[in-house]
Amino acid sequence: MLNVHSNPDAPLTVDVMRRYVRVTHDDGVFVEFDFAIGWPELYVELVLPRPAFEDFCVRNQVVHMDPIPEQPTNQSDDEEI
């Protein structure tokens, strides 16, 4: 469990038993996802076949995170307004 204090000298603690998953793409065959341990904002990107992903989630007792909202794209300089 992350413990954030207003005192910068206070120690930070993290629950390394808490595992997080955020699916970023699922084509029905492979699942692309972010996987984090302890800190959901610090993750690695992984790809597994769907059955292996489902087993991975069960074995790690993951917490599923919401998808990251789509970022608006900037209009190209070539487009007319």
Protein backbone atom coordinates (compact mmCIF):
# COMPACT_ATOMS: atom_id res chain seq x y z
CA MET A 1 0.00 0.00 0.00
CA LEU A 2 1.48 3.33 -1.05
CA ASN A 3 1.61 5.69 1.88
CA VAL A 4 2.10 9.33 0.87
CA HIS A 5 2.76 11.85 3.60
CA SER A 6 3.09 15.62 3.59
CA ASN A 7 6.40 15.04 5.37
CA PRO A 8 9.05 14.40 2.66
CA ASP A 9 11.25 12.55 5.20
CA ALA A 10 8.53 9.99 5.98
CA PRO A 11 9.13 6.54 4.48
CA LEU A 12 7.01 5.36 1.55
CA THR A 13 5.52 1.90 1.72
CA VAL A 14 4.09 -0.16 -1.11
CA ASP A 15 1.97 -3.32 -1.16
CA VAL A 16 3.91 -5.56 -3.55
CA MET A 17 1.16 -8.15 -3.31
CA ARG A 18 -1.23 -5.82 -5.17
CA ARG A 19 -1.04 -6.45 -8.94
CA TYR A 20 -2.68 -4.25 -11.57
CA VAL A 21 -3.71 -4.87 -15.20
CA ARG A 22 -4.97 -2.41 -17.81
CA VAL A 23 -5.97 -3.92 -21.17
CA THR A 24 -4.78 -1.68 -24.01
CA HIS A 25 -5.80 -3.87 -26.98
CA ASP A 26 -7.69 -7.13 -27.41
CA ASP A 27 -8.12 -8.62 -30.88
CA GLY A 28 -9.68 -11.84 -29.57
CA VAL A 29 -6.46 -13.81 -30.07
CA PHE A 30 -3.85 -11.72 -28.23
CA VAL A 31 -4.30 -9.32 -25.34
CA GLU A 32 -1.96 -6.34 -24.99
CA PHE A 33 -1.91 -4.98 -21.46
CA ASP A 34 -0.06 -2.94 -18.87
CA PHE A 35 1.04 -4.85 -15.77
CA ALA A 36 2.08 -3.19 -12.51
CA ILE A 37 3.12 -4.42 -9.09
CA GLY A 38 2.51 -2.09 -6.17
CA TRP A 39 2.40 1.19 -8.07
CA PRO A 40 -0.21 1.23 -10.87
CA GLU A 41 1.52 4.18 -12.55
CA LEU A 42 4.76 2.18 -12.96
CA TYR A 43 4.07 -0.65 -15.40
CA VAL A 44 5.43 -2.84 -18.18
CA GLU A 45 3.63 -3.56 -21.44
CA LEU A 46 2.97 -7.25 -22.12
CA VAL A 47 1.23 -9.38 -24.76
CA LEU A 48 -0.23 -12.83 -24.13
CA PRO A 49 -2.61 -15.16 -25.96
CA ARG A 50 -6.13 -14.74 -24.51
CA PRO A 51 -6.15 -18.06 -22.52
CA ALA A 52 -2.72 -17.28 -21.00
CA PHE A 53 -3.85 -13.73 -20.14
CA GLU A 54 -6.92 -15.03 -18.32
CA ASP A 55 -4.76 -17.52 -16.37
CA PHE A 56 -2.22 -14.75 -15.63
CA CYS A 57 -4.96 -12.55 -14.14
CA VAL A 58 -6.31 -15.35 -11.94
CA ARG A 59 -2.88 -16.44 -10.70
CA ASN A 60 -1.84 -12.86 -9.89
CA GLN A 61 -5.24 -11.87 -8.42
CA VAL A 62 -5.04 -8.65 -10.40
CA VAL A 63 -6.97 -5.46 -9.94
CA HIS A 64 -8.31 -4.36 -13.34
CA MET A 65 -7.71 -0.67 -14.03
CA ASP A 66 -9.85 1.54 -16.23
CA PRO A 67 -8.54 2.25 -19.74
CA ILE A 68 -6.56 5.43 -20.23
CA PRO A 69 -8.84 7.98 -21.92
CA GLU A 70 -8.02 8.71 -25.55
CA GLN A 71 -5.86 11.79 -25.96
CA PRO A 72 -7.21 14.31 -28.46
CA THR A 73 -5.11 14.46 -31.58
CA ASN A 74 -3.76 17.77 -32.80
CA GLN A 75 -4.95 18.88 -36.20
CA SER A 76 -2.25 18.74 -38.79
CA ASP A 77 -1.02 22.02 -40.27
CA ASP A 78 -2.31 20.78 -43.66
CA GLU A 79 -5.93 20.64 -42.51
CA GLU A 80 -8.11 23.65 -43.07
CA ILE A 81 -10.11 24.98 -40.17
